[in-house]
ModelCIF file with pLDDT and N, C-alpha, C, O atoms, coordinates in Angstrom:
data_MODEL
#
_entry.id   MODEL 
#
_entity.id                         1 
_entity.type                       polymer 
_entity.pdbx_number_of_molecules   1 
#
_entity_poly.entity_id                      1 
_entity_poly.type                           'polypeptide(L)' 
_entity_poly.nstd_linkage                   no 
_entity_poly.nstd_monomer                   no 
_entity_poly.pdbx_seq_one_letter_code       
;(UNK)(UNK)(UNK)(UNK)(UNK)(UNK)(UNK)(UNK)(UNK)(UNK)(UNK)(UNK)(UNK)(UNK)(UNK)(UNK)
(UNK)(UNK)(UNK)(UNK)(UNK)(UNK)(UNK)(UNK)(UNK)(UNK)(UNK)(UNK)(UNK)(UNK)(UNK)(UNK)
(UNK)(UNK)(UNK)(UNK)(UNK)(UNK)(UNK)(UNK)
;
_entity_poly.pdbx_seq_one_letter_code_can   XXXXXXXXXXXXXXXXXXXXXXXXXXXXXXXXXXXXXXXX 
_entity_poly.pdbx_strand_id                 A 
#
loop_
_entity_poly_seq.entity_id 
_entity_poly_seq.num 
_entity_poly_seq.mon_id 
_entity_poly_seq.hetero 
1 1  UNK n 
1 2  UNK n 
1 3  UNK n 
1 4  UNK n 
1 5  UNK n 
1 6  UNK n 
1 7  UNK n 
1 8  UNK n 
1 9  UNK n 
1 10 UNK n 
1 11 UNK n 
1 12 UNK n 
1 13 UNK n 
1 14 UNK n 
1 15 UNK n 
1 16 UNK n 
1 17 UNK n 
1 18 UNK n 
1 19 UNK n 
1 20 UNK n 
1 21 UNK n 
1 22 UNK n 
1 23 UNK n 
1 24 UNK n 
1 25 UNK n 
1 26 UNK n 
1 27 UNK n 
1 28 UNK n 
1 29 UNK n 
1 30 UNK n 
1 31 UNK n 
1 32 UNK n 
1 33 UNK n 
1 34 UNK n 
1 35 UNK n 
1 36 UNK n 
1 37 UNK n 
1 38 UNK n 
1 39 UNK n 
1 40 UNK n 
#
_struct_asym.id          A 
_struct_asym.entity_id   1 
#
loop_
_ma_qa_metric.id 
_ma_qa_metric.mode 
_ma_qa_metric.name 
_ma_qa_metric.software_group_id 
_ma_qa_metric.type 
1 global pLDDT . pLDDT 
2 local  pLDDT . pLDDT 
#
_ma_qa_metric_global.metric_id      1 
_ma_qa_metric_global.metric_value   66.80 
_ma_qa_metric_global.model_id       1 
_ma_qa_metric_global.ordinal_id     1 
#
loop_
_ma_qa_metric_local.label_asym_id 
_ma_qa_metric_local.label_comp_id 
_ma_qa_metric_local.label_seq_id 
_ma_qa_metric_local.metric_id 
_ma_qa_metric_local.metric_value 
_ma_qa_metric_local.model_id 
_ma_qa_metric_local.ordinal_id 
A UNK 1  2 80.00 1 1  
A UNK 2  2 84.00 1 2  
A UNK 3  2 82.00 1 3  
A UNK 4  2 76.00 1 4  
A UNK 5  2 78.00 1 5  
A UNK 6  2 82.00 1 6  
A UNK 7  2 78.00 1 7  
A UNK 8  2 72.00 1 8  
A UNK 9  2 79.00 1 9  
A UNK 10 2 77.00 1 10 
A UNK 11 2 70.00 1 11 
A UNK 12 2 68.00 1 12 
A UNK 13 2 77.00 1 13 
A UNK 14 2 72.00 1 14 
A UNK 15 2 64.00 1 15 
A UNK 16 2 68.00 1 16 
A UNK 17 2 73.00 1 17 
A UNK 18 2 64.00 1 18 
A UNK 19 2 62.00 1 19 
A UNK 20 2 68.00 1 20 
A UNK 21 2 67.00 1 21 
A UNK 22 2 61.00 1 22 
A UNK 23 2 60.00 1 23 
A UNK 24 2 65.00 1 24 
A UNK 25 2 62.00 1 25 
A UNK 26 2 58.00 1 26 
A UNK 27 2 56.00 1 27 
A UNK 28 2 55.00 1 28 
A UNK 29 2 52.00 1 29 
A UNK 30 2 49.00 1 30 
A UNK 31 2 48.00 1 31 
A UNK 32 2 48.00 1 32 
A UNK 33 2 57.00 1 33 
A UNK 34 2 57.00 1 34 
A UNK 35 2 61.00 1 35 
A UNK 36 2 67.00 1 36 
A UNK 37 2 66.00 1 37 
A UNK 38 2 64.00 1 38 
A UNK 39 2 71.00 1 39 
A UNK 40 2 74.00 1 40 
#
loop_
_atom_site.group_PDB 
_atom_site.id 
_atom_site.type_symbol 
_atom_site.label_atom_id 
_atom_site.label_alt_id 
_atom_site.label_comp_id 
_atom_site.label_asym_id 
_atom_site.label_entity_id 
_atom_site.label_seq_id 
_atom_site.pdbx_PDB_ins_code 
_atom_site.Cartn_x 
_atom_site.Cartn_y 
_atom_site.Cartn_z 
_atom_site.occupancy 
_atom_site.B_iso_or_equiv 
_atom_site.pdbx_formal_charge 
_atom_site.auth_seq_id 
_atom_site.auth_comp_id 
_atom_site.auth_asym_id 
_atom_site.auth_atom_id 
_atom_site.pdbx_PDB_model_num 
ATOM 1   N N  . UNK A 1 1  ? 8.883   -16.268 -15.995 1.00 80.00 ? 1  UNK A N  1 
ATOM 2   C CA . UNK A 1 1  ? 7.430   -16.095 -15.965 1.00 80.00 ? 1  UNK A CA 1 
ATOM 3   C C  . UNK A 1 1  ? 6.873   -16.432 -14.585 1.00 80.00 ? 1  UNK A C  1 
ATOM 4   O O  . UNK A 1 1  ? 6.035   -15.708 -14.047 1.00 80.00 ? 1  UNK A O  1 
ATOM 5   N N  . UNK A 1 2  ? 7.352   -17.547 -14.018 1.00 84.00 ? 2  UNK A N  1 
ATOM 6   C CA . UNK A 1 2  ? 6.902   -17.940 -12.689 1.00 84.00 ? 2  UNK A CA 1 
ATOM 7   C C  . UNK A 1 2  ? 7.370   -16.979 -11.619 1.00 84.00 ? 2  UNK A C  1 
ATOM 8   O O  . UNK A 1 2  ? 6.619   -16.641 -10.704 1.00 84.00 ? 2  UNK A O  1 
ATOM 9   N N  . UNK A 1 3  ? 8.628   -16.533 -11.736 1.00 82.00 ? 3  UNK A N  1 
ATOM 10  C CA . UNK A 1 3  ? 9.168   -15.588 -10.753 1.00 82.00 ? 3  UNK A CA 1 
ATOM 11  C C  . UNK A 1 3  ? 8.435   -14.257 -10.817 1.00 82.00 ? 3  UNK A C  1 
ATOM 12  O O  . UNK A 1 3  ? 8.195   -13.624 -9.789  1.00 82.00 ? 3  UNK A O  1 
ATOM 13  N N  . UNK A 1 4  ? 8.078   -13.830 -12.037 1.00 76.00 ? 4  UNK A N  1 
ATOM 14  C CA . UNK A 1 4  ? 7.337   -12.580 -12.180 1.00 76.00 ? 4  UNK A CA 1 
ATOM 15  C C  . UNK A 1 4  ? 5.962   -12.697 -11.514 1.00 76.00 ? 4  UNK A C  1 
ATOM 16  O O  . UNK A 1 4  ? 5.502   -11.759 -10.864 1.00 76.00 ? 4  UNK A O  1 
ATOM 17  N N  . UNK A 1 5  ? 5.314   -13.849 -11.680 1.00 78.00 ? 5  UNK A N  1 
ATOM 18  C CA . UNK A 1 5  ? 4.018   -14.072 -11.044 1.00 78.00 ? 5  UNK A CA 1 
ATOM 19  C C  . UNK A 1 5  ? 4.146   -14.034 -9.526  1.00 78.00 ? 5  UNK A C  1 
ATOM 20  O O  . UNK A 1 5  ? 3.284   -13.492 -8.835  1.00 78.00 ? 5  UNK A O  1 
ATOM 21  N N  . UNK A 1 6  ? 5.236   -14.618 -9.012  1.00 82.00 ? 6  UNK A N  1 
ATOM 22  C CA . UNK A 1 6  ? 5.453   -14.636 -7.567  1.00 82.00 ? 6  UNK A CA 1 
ATOM 23  C C  . UNK A 1 6  ? 5.721   -13.231 -7.037  1.00 82.00 ? 6  UNK A C  1 
ATOM 24  O O  . UNK A 1 6  ? 5.191   -12.842 -5.995  1.00 82.00 ? 6  UNK A O  1 
ATOM 25  N N  . UNK A 1 7  ? 6.542   -12.473 -7.754  1.00 78.00 ? 7  UNK A N  1 
ATOM 26  C CA . UNK A 1 7  ? 6.823   -11.091 -7.355  1.00 78.00 ? 7  UNK A CA 1 
ATOM 27  C C  . UNK A 1 7  ? 5.557   -10.244 -7.442  1.00 78.00 ? 7  UNK A C  1 
ATOM 28  O O  . UNK A 1 7  ? 5.294   -9.421  -6.566  1.00 78.00 ? 7  UNK A O  1 
ATOM 29  N N  . UNK A 1 8  ? 4.776   -10.446 -8.497  1.00 72.00 ? 8  UNK A N  1 
ATOM 30  C CA . UNK A 1 8  ? 3.522   -9.708  -8.657  1.00 72.00 ? 8  UNK A CA 1 
ATOM 31  C C  . UNK A 1 8  ? 2.563   -10.014 -7.516  1.00 72.00 ? 8  UNK A C  1 
ATOM 32  O O  . UNK A 1 8  ? 1.859   -9.130  -7.026  1.00 72.00 ? 8  UNK A O  1 
ATOM 33  N N  . UNK A 1 9  ? 2.543   -11.280 -7.098  1.00 79.00 ? 9  UNK A N  1 
ATOM 34  C CA . UNK A 1 9  ? 1.684   -11.683 -5.981  1.00 79.00 ? 9  UNK A CA 1 
ATOM 35  C C  . UNK A 1 9  ? 2.093   -10.959 -4.708  1.00 79.00 ? 9  UNK A C  1 
ATOM 36  O O  . UNK A 1 9  ? 1.248   -10.426 -3.990  1.00 79.00 ? 9  UNK A O  1 
ATOM 37  N N  . UNK A 1 10 ? 3.380   -10.942 -4.433  1.00 77.00 ? 10 UNK A N  1 
ATOM 38  C CA . UNK A 1 10 ? 3.881   -10.266 -3.239  1.00 77.00 ? 10 UNK A CA 1 
ATOM 39  C C  . UNK A 1 10 ? 3.577   -8.768  -3.283  1.00 77.00 ? 10 UNK A C  1 
ATOM 40  O O  . UNK A 1 10 ? 3.161   -8.178  -2.287  1.00 77.00 ? 10 UNK A O  1 
ATOM 41  N N  . UNK A 1 11 ? 3.791   -8.168  -4.448  1.00 70.00 ? 11 UNK A N  1 
ATOM 42  C CA . UNK A 1 11 ? 3.565   -6.732  -4.585  1.00 70.00 ? 11 UNK A CA 1 
ATOM 43  C C  . UNK A 1 11 ? 2.080   -6.389  -4.525  1.00 70.00 ? 11 UNK A C  1 
ATOM 44  O O  . UNK A 1 11 ? 1.712   -5.301  -4.080  1.00 70.00 ? 11 UNK A O  1 
ATOM 45  N N  . UNK A 1 12 ? 1.220   -7.315  -4.972  1.00 68.00 ? 12 UNK A N  1 
ATOM 46  C CA . UNK A 1 12 ? -0.220  -7.096  -4.853  1.00 68.00 ? 12 UNK A CA 1 
ATOM 47  C C  . UNK A 1 12 ? -0.630  -7.056  -3.391  1.00 68.00 ? 12 UNK A C  1 
ATOM 48  O O  . UNK A 1 12 ? -1.452  -6.230  -2.993  1.00 68.00 ? 12 UNK A O  1 
ATOM 49  N N  . UNK A 1 13 ? -0.053  -7.956  -2.584  1.00 77.00 ? 13 UNK A N  1 
ATOM 50  C CA . UNK A 1 13 ? -0.342  -7.967  -1.154  1.00 77.00 ? 13 UNK A CA 1 
ATOM 51  C C  . UNK A 1 13 ? 0.125   -6.664  -0.494  1.00 77.00 ? 13 UNK A C  1 
ATOM 52  O O  . UNK A 1 13 ? -0.543  -6.126  0.388   1.00 77.00 ? 13 UNK A O  1 
ATOM 53  N N  . UNK A 1 14 ? 1.279   -6.175  -0.937  1.00 72.00 ? 14 UNK A N  1 
ATOM 54  C CA . UNK A 1 14 ? 1.774   -4.889  -0.426  1.00 72.00 ? 14 UNK A CA 1 
ATOM 55  C C  . UNK A 1 14 ? 0.817   -3.766  -0.807  1.00 72.00 ? 14 UNK A C  1 
ATOM 56  O O  . UNK A 1 14 ? 0.534   -2.882  0.002   1.00 72.00 ? 14 UNK A O  1 
ATOM 57  N N  . UNK A 1 15 ? 0.321   -3.804  -2.039  1.00 64.00 ? 15 UNK A N  1 
ATOM 58  C CA . UNK A 1 15 ? -0.593  -2.775  -2.526  1.00 64.00 ? 15 UNK A CA 1 
ATOM 59  C C  . UNK A 1 15 ? -1.915  -2.787  -1.754  1.00 64.00 ? 15 UNK A C  1 
ATOM 60  O O  . UNK A 1 15 ? -2.444  -1.736  -1.390  1.00 64.00 ? 15 UNK A O  1 
ATOM 61  N N  . UNK A 1 16 ? -2.440  -3.994  -1.511  1.00 68.00 ? 16 UNK A N  1 
ATOM 62  C CA . UNK A 1 16 ? -3.694  -4.108  -0.769  1.00 68.00 ? 16 UNK A CA 1 
ATOM 63  C C  . UNK A 1 16 ? -3.522  -3.566  0.652   1.00 68.00 ? 16 UNK A C  1 
ATOM 64  O O  . UNK A 1 16 ? -4.404  -2.888  1.179   1.00 68.00 ? 16 UNK A O  1 
ATOM 65  N N  . UNK A 1 17 ? -2.371  -3.874  1.265   1.00 73.00 ? 17 UNK A N  1 
ATOM 66  C CA . UNK A 1 17 ? -2.099  -3.366  2.609   1.00 73.00 ? 17 UNK A CA 1 
ATOM 67  C C  . UNK A 1 17 ? -2.000  -1.847  2.599   1.00 73.00 ? 17 UNK A C  1 
ATOM 68  O O  . UNK A 1 17 ? -2.492  -1.177  3.507   1.00 73.00 ? 17 UNK A O  1 
ATOM 69  N N  . UNK A 1 18 ? -1.358  -1.308  1.562   1.00 64.00 ? 18 UNK A N  1 
ATOM 70  C CA . UNK A 1 18 ? -1.234  0.146   1.448   1.00 64.00 ? 18 UNK A CA 1 
ATOM 71  C C  . UNK A 1 18 ? -2.596  0.801   1.242   1.00 64.00 ? 18 UNK A C  1 
ATOM 72  O O  . UNK A 1 18 ? -2.885  1.853   1.812   1.00 64.00 ? 18 UNK A O  1 
ATOM 73  N N  . UNK A 1 19 ? -3.433  0.160   0.415   1.00 62.00 ? 19 UNK A N  1 
ATOM 74  C CA . UNK A 1 19 ? -4.767  0.687   0.160   1.00 62.00 ? 19 UNK A CA 1 
ATOM 75  C C  . UNK A 1 19 ? -5.593  0.698   1.443   1.00 62.00 ? 19 UNK A C  1 
ATOM 76  O O  . UNK A 1 19 ? -6.342  1.641   1.698   1.00 62.00 ? 19 UNK A O  1 
ATOM 77  N N  . UNK A 1 20 ? -5.452  -0.369  2.260   1.00 68.00 ? 20 UNK A N  1 
ATOM 78  C CA . UNK A 1 20 ? -6.166  -0.427  3.538   1.00 68.00 ? 20 UNK A CA 1 
ATOM 79  C C  . UNK A 1 20 ? -5.700  0.687   4.460   1.00 68.00 ? 20 UNK A C  1 
ATOM 80  O O  . UNK A 1 20 ? -6.497  1.275   5.191   1.00 68.00 ? 20 UNK A O  1 
ATOM 81  N N  . UNK A 1 21 ? -4.407  0.972   4.420   1.00 67.00 ? 21 UNK A N  1 
ATOM 82  C CA . UNK A 1 21 ? -3.865  2.044   5.259   1.00 67.00 ? 21 UNK A CA 1 
ATOM 83  C C  . UNK A 1 21 ? -4.406  3.400   4.827   1.00 67.00 ? 21 UNK A C  1 
ATOM 84  O O  . UNK A 1 21 ? -4.716  4.248   5.664   1.00 67.00 ? 21 UNK A O  1 
ATOM 85  N N  . UNK A 1 22 ? -4.517  3.602   3.508   1.00 61.00 ? 22 UNK A N  1 
ATOM 86  C CA . UNK A 1 22 ? -5.018  4.869   2.997   1.00 61.00 ? 22 UNK A CA 1 
ATOM 87  C C  . UNK A 1 22 ? -6.466  5.091   3.424   1.00 61.00 ? 22 UNK A C  1 
ATOM 88  O O  . UNK A 1 22 ? -6.850  6.209   3.767   1.00 61.00 ? 22 UNK A O  1 
ATOM 89  N N  . UNK A 1 23 ? -7.271  4.024   3.402   1.00 60.00 ? 23 UNK A N  1 
ATOM 90  C CA . UNK A 1 23 ? -8.693  4.134   3.728   1.00 60.00 ? 23 UNK A CA 1 
ATOM 91  C C  . UNK A 1 23 ? -8.980  4.067   5.225   1.00 60.00 ? 23 UNK A C  1 
ATOM 92  O O  . UNK A 1 23 ? -10.098 4.343   5.660   1.00 60.00 ? 23 UNK A O  1 
ATOM 93  N N  . UNK A 1 24 ? -7.975  3.702   6.009   1.00 65.00 ? 24 UNK A N  1 
ATOM 94  C CA . UNK A 1 24 ? -8.188  3.539   7.446   1.00 65.00 ? 24 UNK A CA 1 
ATOM 95  C C  . UNK A 1 24 ? -8.553  4.880   8.087   1.00 65.00 ? 24 UNK A C  1 
ATOM 96  O O  . UNK A 1 24 ? -7.830  5.862   7.923   1.00 65.00 ? 24 UNK A O  1 
ATOM 97  N N  . UNK A 1 25 ? -9.682  4.924   8.823   1.00 62.00 ? 25 UNK A N  1 
ATOM 98  C CA . UNK A 1 25 ? -10.092 6.186   9.459   1.00 62.00 ? 25 UNK A CA 1 
ATOM 99  C C  . UNK A 1 25 ? -9.120  6.604   10.555  1.00 62.00 ? 25 UNK A C  1 
ATOM 100 O O  . UNK A 1 25 ? -8.600  5.767   11.293  1.00 62.00 ? 25 UNK A O  1 
ATOM 101 N N  . UNK A 1 26 ? -8.887  7.895   10.650  1.00 58.00 ? 26 UNK A N  1 
ATOM 102 C CA . UNK A 1 26 ? -7.945  8.425   11.633  1.00 58.00 ? 26 UNK A CA 1 
ATOM 103 C C  . UNK A 1 26 ? -8.543  9.626   12.349  1.00 58.00 ? 26 UNK A C  1 
ATOM 104 O O  . UNK A 1 26 ? -9.239  10.442  11.744  1.00 58.00 ? 26 UNK A O  1 
ATOM 105 N N  . UNK A 1 27 ? -8.268  9.723   13.622  1.00 56.00 ? 27 UNK A N  1 
ATOM 106 C CA . UNK A 1 27 ? -8.712  10.895  14.387  1.00 56.00 ? 27 UNK A CA 1 
ATOM 107 C C  . UNK A 1 27 ? -7.828  12.098  14.083  1.00 56.00 ? 27 UNK A C  1 
ATOM 108 O O  . UNK A 1 27 ? -8.306  13.226  13.969  1.00 56.00 ? 27 UNK A O  1 
ATOM 109 N N  . UNK A 1 28 ? -6.537  11.838  13.956  1.00 55.00 ? 28 UNK A N  1 
ATOM 110 C CA . UNK A 1 28 ? -5.584  12.913  13.642  1.00 55.00 ? 28 UNK A CA 1 
ATOM 111 C C  . UNK A 1 28 ? -4.728  12.494  12.449  1.00 55.00 ? 28 UNK A C  1 
ATOM 112 O O  . UNK A 1 28 ? -3.563  12.134  12.619  1.00 55.00 ? 28 UNK A O  1 
ATOM 113 N N  . UNK A 1 29 ? -5.292  12.538  11.250  1.00 52.00 ? 29 UNK A N  1 
ATOM 114 C CA . UNK A 1 29 ? -4.552  12.087  10.066  1.00 52.00 ? 29 UNK A CA 1 
ATOM 115 C C  . UNK A 1 29 ? -3.320  12.932  9.788   1.00 52.00 ? 29 UNK A C  1 
ATOM 116 O O  . UNK A 1 29 ? -3.338  14.157  9.909   1.00 52.00 ? 29 UNK A O  1 
ATOM 117 N N  . UNK A 1 30 ? -2.268  12.253  9.416   1.00 49.00 ? 30 UNK A N  1 
ATOM 118 C CA . UNK A 1 30 ? -1.033  12.945  9.050   1.00 49.00 ? 30 UNK A CA 1 
ATOM 119 C C  . UNK A 1 30 ? -0.997  13.105  7.538   1.00 49.00 ? 30 UNK A C  1 
ATOM 120 O O  . UNK A 1 30 ? -0.883  12.118  6.810   1.00 49.00 ? 30 UNK A O  1 
ATOM 121 N N  . UNK A 1 31 ? -1.095  14.342  7.060   1.00 48.00 ? 31 UNK A N  1 
ATOM 122 C CA . UNK A 1 31 ? -1.146  14.609  5.619   1.00 48.00 ? 31 UNK A CA 1 
ATOM 123 C C  . UNK A 1 31 ? 0.090   14.086  4.905   1.00 48.00 ? 31 UNK A C  1 
ATOM 124 O O  . UNK A 1 31 ? -0.003  13.526  3.812   1.00 48.00 ? 31 UNK A O  1 
ATOM 125 N N  . UNK A 1 32 ? 1.243   14.272  5.526   1.00 48.00 ? 32 UNK A N  1 
ATOM 126 C CA . UNK A 1 32 ? 2.487   13.866  4.876   1.00 48.00 ? 32 UNK A CA 1 
ATOM 127 C C  . UNK A 1 32 ? 2.555   12.347  4.759   1.00 48.00 ? 32 UNK A C  1 
ATOM 128 O O  . UNK A 1 32 ? 2.910   11.825  3.702   1.00 48.00 ? 32 UNK A O  1 
ATOM 129 N N  . UNK A 1 33 ? 2.215   11.625  5.843   1.00 57.00 ? 33 UNK A N  1 
ATOM 130 C CA . UNK A 1 33 ? 2.306   10.173  5.823   1.00 57.00 ? 33 UNK A CA 1 
ATOM 131 C C  . UNK A 1 33 ? 1.351   9.559   4.805   1.00 57.00 ? 33 UNK A C  1 
ATOM 132 O O  . UNK A 1 33 ? 1.744   8.681   4.037   1.00 57.00 ? 33 UNK A O  1 
ATOM 133 N N  . UNK A 1 34 ? 0.094   10.018  4.792   1.00 57.00 ? 34 UNK A N  1 
ATOM 134 C CA . UNK A 1 34 ? -0.892  9.458   3.878   1.00 57.00 ? 34 UNK A CA 1 
ATOM 135 C C  . UNK A 1 34 ? -0.509  9.750   2.431   1.00 57.00 ? 34 UNK A C  1 
ATOM 136 O O  . UNK A 1 34 ? -0.621  8.880   1.567   1.00 57.00 ? 34 UNK A O  1 
ATOM 137 N N  . UNK A 1 35 ? -0.062  10.957  2.172   1.00 61.00 ? 35 UNK A N  1 
ATOM 138 C CA . UNK A 1 35 ? 0.299   11.358  0.818   1.00 61.00 ? 35 UNK A CA 1 
ATOM 139 C C  . UNK A 1 35 ? 1.461   10.536  0.272   1.00 61.00 ? 35 UNK A C  1 
ATOM 140 O O  . UNK A 1 35 ? 1.506   10.244  -0.922  1.00 61.00 ? 35 UNK A O  1 
ATOM 141 N N  . UNK A 1 36 ? 2.399   10.163  1.135   1.00 67.00 ? 36 UNK A N  1 
ATOM 142 C CA . UNK A 1 36 ? 3.609   9.489   0.668   1.00 67.00 ? 36 UNK A CA 1 
ATOM 143 C C  . UNK A 1 36 ? 3.496   7.970   0.620   1.00 67.00 ? 36 UNK A C  1 
ATOM 144 O O  . UNK A 1 36 ? 4.408   7.302   0.132   1.00 67.00 ? 36 UNK A O  1 
ATOM 145 N N  . UNK A 1 37 ? 2.387   7.410   1.122   1.00 66.00 ? 37 UNK A N  1 
ATOM 146 C CA . UNK A 1 37 ? 2.233   5.958   1.095   1.00 66.00 ? 37 UNK A CA 1 
ATOM 147 C C  . UNK A 1 37 ? 2.225   5.439   -0.343  1.00 66.00 ? 37 UNK A C  1 
ATOM 148 O O  . UNK A 1 37 ? 2.948   4.502   -0.684  1.00 66.00 ? 37 UNK A O  1 
ATOM 149 N N  . UNK A 1 38 ? 1.390   6.068   -1.183  1.00 64.00 ? 38 UNK A N  1 
ATOM 150 C CA . UNK A 1 38 ? 1.252   5.601   -2.562  1.00 64.00 ? 38 UNK A CA 1 
ATOM 151 C C  . UNK A 1 38 ? 2.558   5.646   -3.342  1.00 64.00 ? 38 UNK A C  1 
ATOM 152 O O  . UNK A 1 38 ? 2.954   4.613   -3.883  1.00 64.00 ? 38 UNK A O  1 
ATOM 153 N N  . UNK A 1 39 ? 3.257   6.787   -3.436  1.00 71.00 ? 39 UNK A N  1 
ATOM 154 C CA . UNK A 1 39 ? 4.509   6.812   -4.206  1.00 71.00 ? 39 UNK A CA 1 
ATOM 155 C C  . UNK A 1 39 ? 5.589   5.908   -3.628  1.00 71.00 ? 39 UNK A C  1 
ATOM 156 O O  . UNK A 1 39 ? 6.418   5.381   -4.370  1.00 71.00 ? 39 UNK A O  1 
ATOM 157 N N  . UNK A 1 40 ? 5.589   5.722   -2.299  1.00 74.00 ? 40 UNK A N  1 
ATOM 158 C CA . UNK A 1 40 ? 6.583   4.829   -1.686  1.00 74.00 ? 40 UNK A CA 1 
ATOM 159 C C  . UNK A 1 40 ? 6.359   3.389   -2.144  1.00 74.00 ? 40 UNK A C  1 
ATOM 160 O O  . UNK A 1 40 ? 7.094   2.490   -1.737  1.00 74.00 ? 40 UNK A O  1 
#
């Protein structure tokens, strides 16, 4: 139970970072990179 909470915490931080990357404004956005962030 504790290990799952710790893993969930780490994965939440990864998710938040990914979400920030998705929303980050870009001058020349790469369709392939943005599209594959979520499934990765």
